[in-house]
N, C-alpha and C. Protein backbone atom coordinates (compact mmCIF):
# COMPACT_ATOMS: atom_id res chain seq x y z
N UNK A 1 -90.81 29.96 9.27
CA UNK A 1 -91.64 30.75 8.67
C UNK A 1 -92.87 30.62 8.89
N UNK A 2 -93.63 31.83 9.25
CA UNK A 2 -94.91 31.90 9.47
C UNK A 2 -95.93 31.49 8.52
N UNK A 3 -96.98 30.91 8.72
CA UNK A 3 -98.11 31.14 7.80
C UNK A 3 -98.97 32.33 7.31
N UNK A 4 -98.82 33.40 8.14
CA UNK A 4 -99.58 34.35 8.20
C UNK A 4 -99.72 35.25 6.90
N UNK A 5 -100.91 34.75 5.93
CA UNK A 5 -100.97 35.36 4.77
C UNK A 5 -102.01 36.79 4.72
N UNK A 6 -102.74 36.89 5.80
CA UNK A 6 -103.80 37.65 5.82
C UNK A 6 -103.48 39.07 5.82
N UNK A 7 -104.33 39.91 5.51
CA UNK A 7 -104.33 41.35 6.00
C UNK A 7 -103.48 42.21 4.48
N UNK A 8 -103.14 43.47 4.50
CA UNK A 8 -102.76 44.19 3.56
C UNK A 8 -101.86 43.50 2.72
N UNK A 9 -102.03 43.72 1.31
CA UNK A 9 -101.08 43.31 0.41
C UNK A 9 -99.95 44.19 0.03
N UNK A 10 -99.12 44.07 -0.68
CA UNK A 10 -97.99 44.87 -0.92
C UNK A 10 -98.15 45.54 -2.65
N UNK A 11 -99.45 45.87 -2.85
CA UNK A 11 -99.67 46.35 -3.94
C UNK A 11 -99.86 45.28 -5.28
N UNK A 12 -99.46 43.98 -4.97
CA UNK A 12 -99.61 43.30 -6.17
C UNK A 12 -100.88 42.26 -5.84
N UNK A 13 -101.58 42.24 -4.97
CA UNK A 13 -102.52 41.70 -5.22
C UNK A 13 -102.71 40.07 -4.59
N UNK A 14 -101.46 40.21 -3.88
CA UNK A 14 -101.50 38.68 -3.79
C UNK A 14 -101.15 38.65 -1.61
N UNK A 15 -101.27 39.86 -1.06
CA UNK A 15 -101.13 39.58 0.21
C UNK A 15 -99.47 39.55 0.59
N UNK A 16 -99.64 39.25 1.69
CA UNK A 16 -98.04 38.83 2.10
C UNK A 16 -97.91 37.90 3.23
N UNK A 17 -96.61 37.55 3.00
CA UNK A 17 -96.39 36.27 4.59
C UNK A 17 -95.17 37.19 5.34
N UNK A 18 -95.69 36.96 6.42
CA UNK A 18 -94.75 37.36 7.45
C UNK A 18 -93.61 36.05 7.67
N UNK A 19 -92.53 36.45 7.32
CA UNK A 19 -91.32 35.26 7.96
C UNK A 19 -90.39 35.73 8.92
N UNK A 20 -89.91 34.91 9.50
CA UNK A 20 -88.74 35.31 10.95
C UNK A 20 -87.34 35.06 10.20
N UNK A 21 -86.52 36.17 10.26
CA UNK A 21 -85.41 36.20 9.81
C UNK A 21 -84.37 36.61 10.76
N UNK A 22 -83.48 36.09 11.07
CA UNK A 22 -82.14 36.38 12.08
C UNK A 22 -81.22 37.16 11.42
N UNK A 23 -81.03 38.20 11.74
CA UNK A 23 -79.88 39.23 10.99
C UNK A 23 -78.94 39.63 12.48
N UNK A 24 -77.58 39.93 12.21
CA UNK A 24 -76.79 40.06 13.13
C UNK A 24 -77.18 41.70 13.65
N UNK A 25 -77.10 41.84 15.10
CA UNK A 25 -77.75 43.05 15.68
C UNK A 25 -76.92 44.29 14.77
N UNK A 26 -75.75 44.19 14.99
CA UNK A 26 -75.12 45.73 14.12
C UNK A 26 -75.92 45.58 12.79
N UNK A 27 -76.56 44.66 11.77
CA UNK A 27 -76.86 44.98 10.60
C UNK A 27 -78.27 45.56 10.84
N UNK A 28 -79.20 44.85 12.13
CA UNK A 28 -80.27 45.72 12.07
C UNK A 28 -80.23 47.10 12.74
N UNK A 29 -79.32 47.22 13.42
CA UNK A 29 -79.38 48.78 13.76
C UNK A 29 -78.73 49.64 12.81
N UNK A 30 -77.99 49.06 12.01
CA UNK A 30 -78.01 50.07 10.64
C UNK A 30 -78.94 50.41 9.90
N UNK A 31 -80.02 49.45 9.60
CA UNK A 31 -80.97 49.50 9.05
C UNK A 31 -81.95 50.30 9.73
N UNK A 32 -82.31 50.31 10.80
CA UNK A 32 -83.08 50.83 11.63
C UNK A 32 -82.58 52.59 11.46
N UNK A 33 -81.11 52.89 11.42
CA UNK A 33 -80.48 54.11 11.50
C UNK A 33 -80.96 55.03 9.90
N UNK A 34 -81.14 53.97 8.92
CA UNK A 34 -81.27 54.59 7.61
C UNK A 34 -82.67 54.52 7.26
N UNK A 35 -83.40 53.46 7.02
CA UNK A 35 -84.72 53.24 6.66
C UNK A 35 -85.48 54.83 6.49
N UNK A 36 -85.59 55.43 7.89
CA UNK A 36 -86.30 56.74 7.50
C UNK A 36 -85.77 57.73 6.54
N UNK A 37 -84.12 58.01 6.85
CA UNK A 37 -83.69 58.75 5.77
C UNK A 37 -83.88 58.59 4.44
N UNK A 38 -83.83 57.41 4.02
CA UNK A 38 -84.00 56.67 2.53
C UNK A 38 -85.44 56.73 2.17
N UNK A 39 -86.68 57.48 3.18
CA UNK A 39 -87.76 57.53 2.58
C UNK A 39 -88.70 56.81 2.78
N UNK A 40 -88.34 55.32 3.51
CA UNK A 40 -89.24 54.59 3.99
C UNK A 40 -90.04 54.88 5.26
N UNK A 41 -91.28 54.13 5.42
CA UNK A 41 -92.00 54.67 6.46
C UNK A 41 -91.47 53.37 7.42
N UNK A 42 -91.21 52.45 7.14
CA UNK A 42 -90.99 51.12 7.91
C UNK A 42 -89.71 50.45 7.75
N UNK A 43 -89.32 49.48 8.85
CA UNK A 43 -88.08 48.77 8.42
C UNK A 43 -88.66 47.74 7.34
N UNK A 44 -89.75 46.97 7.56
CA UNK A 44 -90.23 46.01 6.88
C UNK A 44 -90.50 46.50 5.32
N UNK A 45 -90.79 47.93 5.30
CA UNK A 45 -90.68 48.58 3.75
C UNK A 45 -89.43 48.64 3.15
N UNK A 46 -88.40 48.66 4.00
CA UNK A 46 -86.89 49.04 3.72
C UNK A 46 -86.40 47.62 2.99
N UNK A 47 -86.59 46.74 4.03
CA UNK A 47 -86.41 45.15 3.80
C UNK A 47 -86.81 44.41 2.59
N UNK A 48 -88.26 44.82 2.41
CA UNK A 48 -88.99 44.21 1.23
C UNK A 48 -88.24 44.87 -0.13
N UNK A 49 -87.56 46.10 -0.08
CA UNK A 49 -87.41 47.06 -1.42
C UNK A 49 -86.30 46.02 -1.57
N UNK A 50 -85.24 46.18 -0.52
CA UNK A 50 -83.94 45.53 -0.89
C UNK A 50 -84.07 44.14 -1.49
N UNK A 51 -85.34 43.08 -0.81
CA UNK A 51 -85.28 41.87 -1.34
C UNK A 51 -85.79 41.85 -3.20
N UNK A 52 -86.51 42.85 -3.03
CA UNK A 52 -86.97 43.37 -4.59
C UNK A 52 -85.72 43.43 -5.59
N UNK A 53 -84.58 44.34 -4.86
CA UNK A 53 -83.87 44.53 -6.06
C UNK A 53 -82.63 43.29 -5.89
N UNK A 54 -82.72 42.64 -4.69
CA UNK A 54 -81.91 41.51 -4.92
C UNK A 54 -82.53 40.42 -5.86
N UNK A 55 -83.82 40.06 -6.14
CA UNK A 55 -84.48 39.59 -7.07
C UNK A 55 -84.20 39.87 -8.62
N UNK A 56 -84.43 41.32 -8.51
CA UNK A 56 -84.21 42.08 -9.93
C UNK A 56 -83.16 43.22 -9.77
N UNK A 57 -81.92 42.86 -9.76
CA UNK A 57 -81.02 44.15 -9.75
C UNK A 57 -81.08 44.86 -10.73
N UNK A 58 -80.56 46.19 -10.39
CA UNK A 58 -80.50 47.10 -11.15
C UNK A 58 -79.27 46.96 -12.25
N UNK A 59 -79.54 47.42 -13.60
CA UNK A 59 -78.54 47.38 -14.67
C UNK A 59 -77.55 48.37 -14.10
N UNK A 60 -76.32 48.06 -14.51
CA UNK A 60 -75.32 48.68 -14.18
C UNK A 60 -74.36 48.61 -15.60
N UNK A 61 -74.10 49.73 -15.91
CA UNK A 61 -73.28 50.07 -17.27
C UNK A 61 -71.64 49.97 -17.11
N UNK A 62 -71.15 48.95 -17.75
CA UNK A 62 -69.53 48.55 -17.75
C UNK A 62 -68.96 50.03 -18.26
N UNK A 63 -67.53 50.25 -17.70
CA UNK A 63 -66.83 51.21 -17.81
C UNK A 63 -66.63 51.60 -19.65
N UNK A 64 -66.39 50.43 -19.85
CA UNK A 64 -66.67 50.25 -21.64
C UNK A 64 -67.36 51.03 -22.36
N UNK A 65 -69.09 50.83 -21.64
CA UNK A 65 -70.31 51.20 -22.37
C UNK A 65 -70.09 52.87 -22.01
N UNK A 66 -69.99 53.07 -20.62
CA UNK A 66 -69.80 54.49 -20.47
C UNK A 66 -69.17 55.21 -21.26
N UNK A 67 -67.87 54.82 -21.55
CA UNK A 67 -66.78 55.48 -22.44
C UNK A 67 -67.49 55.89 -23.95
N UNK A 68 -67.92 54.64 -24.30
CA UNK A 68 -68.71 54.79 -25.79
C UNK A 68 -69.68 56.23 -25.58
N UNK A 69 -70.85 55.72 -24.55
CA UNK A 69 -71.57 57.12 -24.49
C UNK A 69 -71.06 58.27 -24.64
N UNK A 70 -70.18 58.63 -23.68
CA UNK A 70 -69.22 59.66 -23.57
C UNK A 70 -68.69 60.36 -25.06
N UNK A 71 -68.11 59.12 -25.67
CA UNK A 71 -67.35 59.57 -27.03
C UNK A 71 -68.73 60.06 -28.35
N UNK A 72 -70.10 58.83 -27.94
CA UNK A 72 -70.95 59.43 -28.77
C UNK A 72 -71.55 60.67 -28.36
N UNK A 73 -71.73 61.32 -27.42
CA UNK A 73 -72.01 62.64 -26.93
C UNK A 73 -71.20 63.56 -27.65
N UNK A 74 -69.75 63.42 -27.51
CA UNK A 74 -68.82 64.11 -28.19
C UNK A 74 -69.02 64.29 -29.73
N UNK A 75 -69.13 63.27 -30.05
CA UNK A 75 -69.36 63.21 -31.66
C UNK A 75 -70.71 64.14 -31.87
N UNK A 76 -71.99 64.02 -31.04
CA UNK A 76 -73.30 64.55 -31.54
C UNK A 76 -73.15 66.23 -31.38
N UNK A 77 -72.03 66.44 -30.20
CA UNK A 77 -72.01 67.99 -30.10
C UNK A 77 -71.02 68.55 -31.09
N UNK A 78 -70.22 67.66 -31.99
CA UNK A 78 -69.34 68.13 -33.15
C UNK A 78 -69.80 67.96 -34.58
N UNK A 79 -71.51 67.59 -34.48
CA UNK A 79 -72.41 67.40 -35.57
C UNK A 79 -71.68 66.09 -36.62
N UNK A 80 -70.96 65.17 -36.07
CA UNK A 80 -70.56 63.76 -36.96
C UNK A 80 -71.85 62.66 -36.58
N UNK A 81 -72.98 62.76 -36.16
CA UNK A 81 -74.19 62.25 -35.95
C UNK A 81 -75.41 62.83 -37.01
N UNK A 82 -76.06 61.44 -37.02
CA UNK A 82 -77.49 62.02 -37.88
C UNK A 82 -78.46 61.44 -37.39
N UNK A 83 -79.71 62.26 -37.35
CA UNK A 83 -80.83 61.58 -36.70
C UNK A 83 -81.59 60.58 -37.51
N UNK A 84 -82.06 59.82 -37.13
CA UNK A 84 -82.75 58.54 -37.96
C UNK A 84 -83.56 59.05 -38.86
N UNK A 85 -84.44 60.10 -38.43
CA UNK A 85 -85.34 60.73 -39.66
C UNK A 85 -84.48 61.28 -40.85
N UNK A 86 -83.63 62.00 -40.37
CA UNK A 86 -82.53 62.56 -41.60
C UNK A 86 -82.03 61.39 -42.32
N UNK A 87 -81.61 60.14 -42.06
CA UNK A 87 -80.87 58.87 -42.61
C UNK A 87 -82.02 58.61 -43.40
N UNK A 88 -83.52 58.58 -42.86
CA UNK A 88 -84.45 57.89 -43.50
C UNK A 88 -84.93 58.64 -44.51
N UNK A 89 -84.77 59.78 -44.73
CA UNK A 89 -85.03 60.60 -45.59
C UNK A 89 -84.03 60.61 -46.45
N UNK A 90 -82.67 60.71 -46.36
CA UNK A 90 -81.75 60.26 -47.37
C UNK A 90 -81.92 59.39 -48.37
N UNK A 91 -82.34 58.26 -47.75
CA UNK A 91 -82.43 57.20 -48.52
C UNK A 91 -83.83 56.65 -48.84
N UNK A 92 -84.67 57.56 -48.69
CA UNK A 92 -85.91 57.46 -49.01
C UNK A 92 -86.50 56.03 -48.54
N UNK A 93 -86.72 56.00 -47.07
CA UNK A 93 -86.89 54.44 -46.24
C UNK A 93 -88.38 54.96 -45.56
N UNK A 94 -89.44 54.20 -45.83
CA UNK A 94 -90.71 54.25 -45.17
C UNK A 94 -90.16 53.90 -43.78
N UNK A 95 -90.81 54.34 -42.71
CA UNK A 95 -91.02 53.85 -41.31
C UNK A 95 -92.03 52.41 -41.44
N UNK A 96 -92.80 52.62 -41.99
CA UNK A 96 -93.63 51.59 -41.95
C UNK A 96 -93.51 50.15 -42.69
């Protein structure tokens, strides 16, 4: 790993560190084919974003949760649900 920490940062004020990574040629060719199509300006930018996703993966909802959300929407459409404001009014609850 290089210790080059100078130059422009990545927006977090901490600068950047250059590292050397070996990847299979076919993987690198795939990255080179994709990064511009996905809106990245450079291979490095795309790889940094992929590493951020690896450290902080996006939340994926389970099939059960998606099913529950679908059922909840159907209940709302049928008028079987009530807004928080309506329930608070009905039971004379103050938000504060």
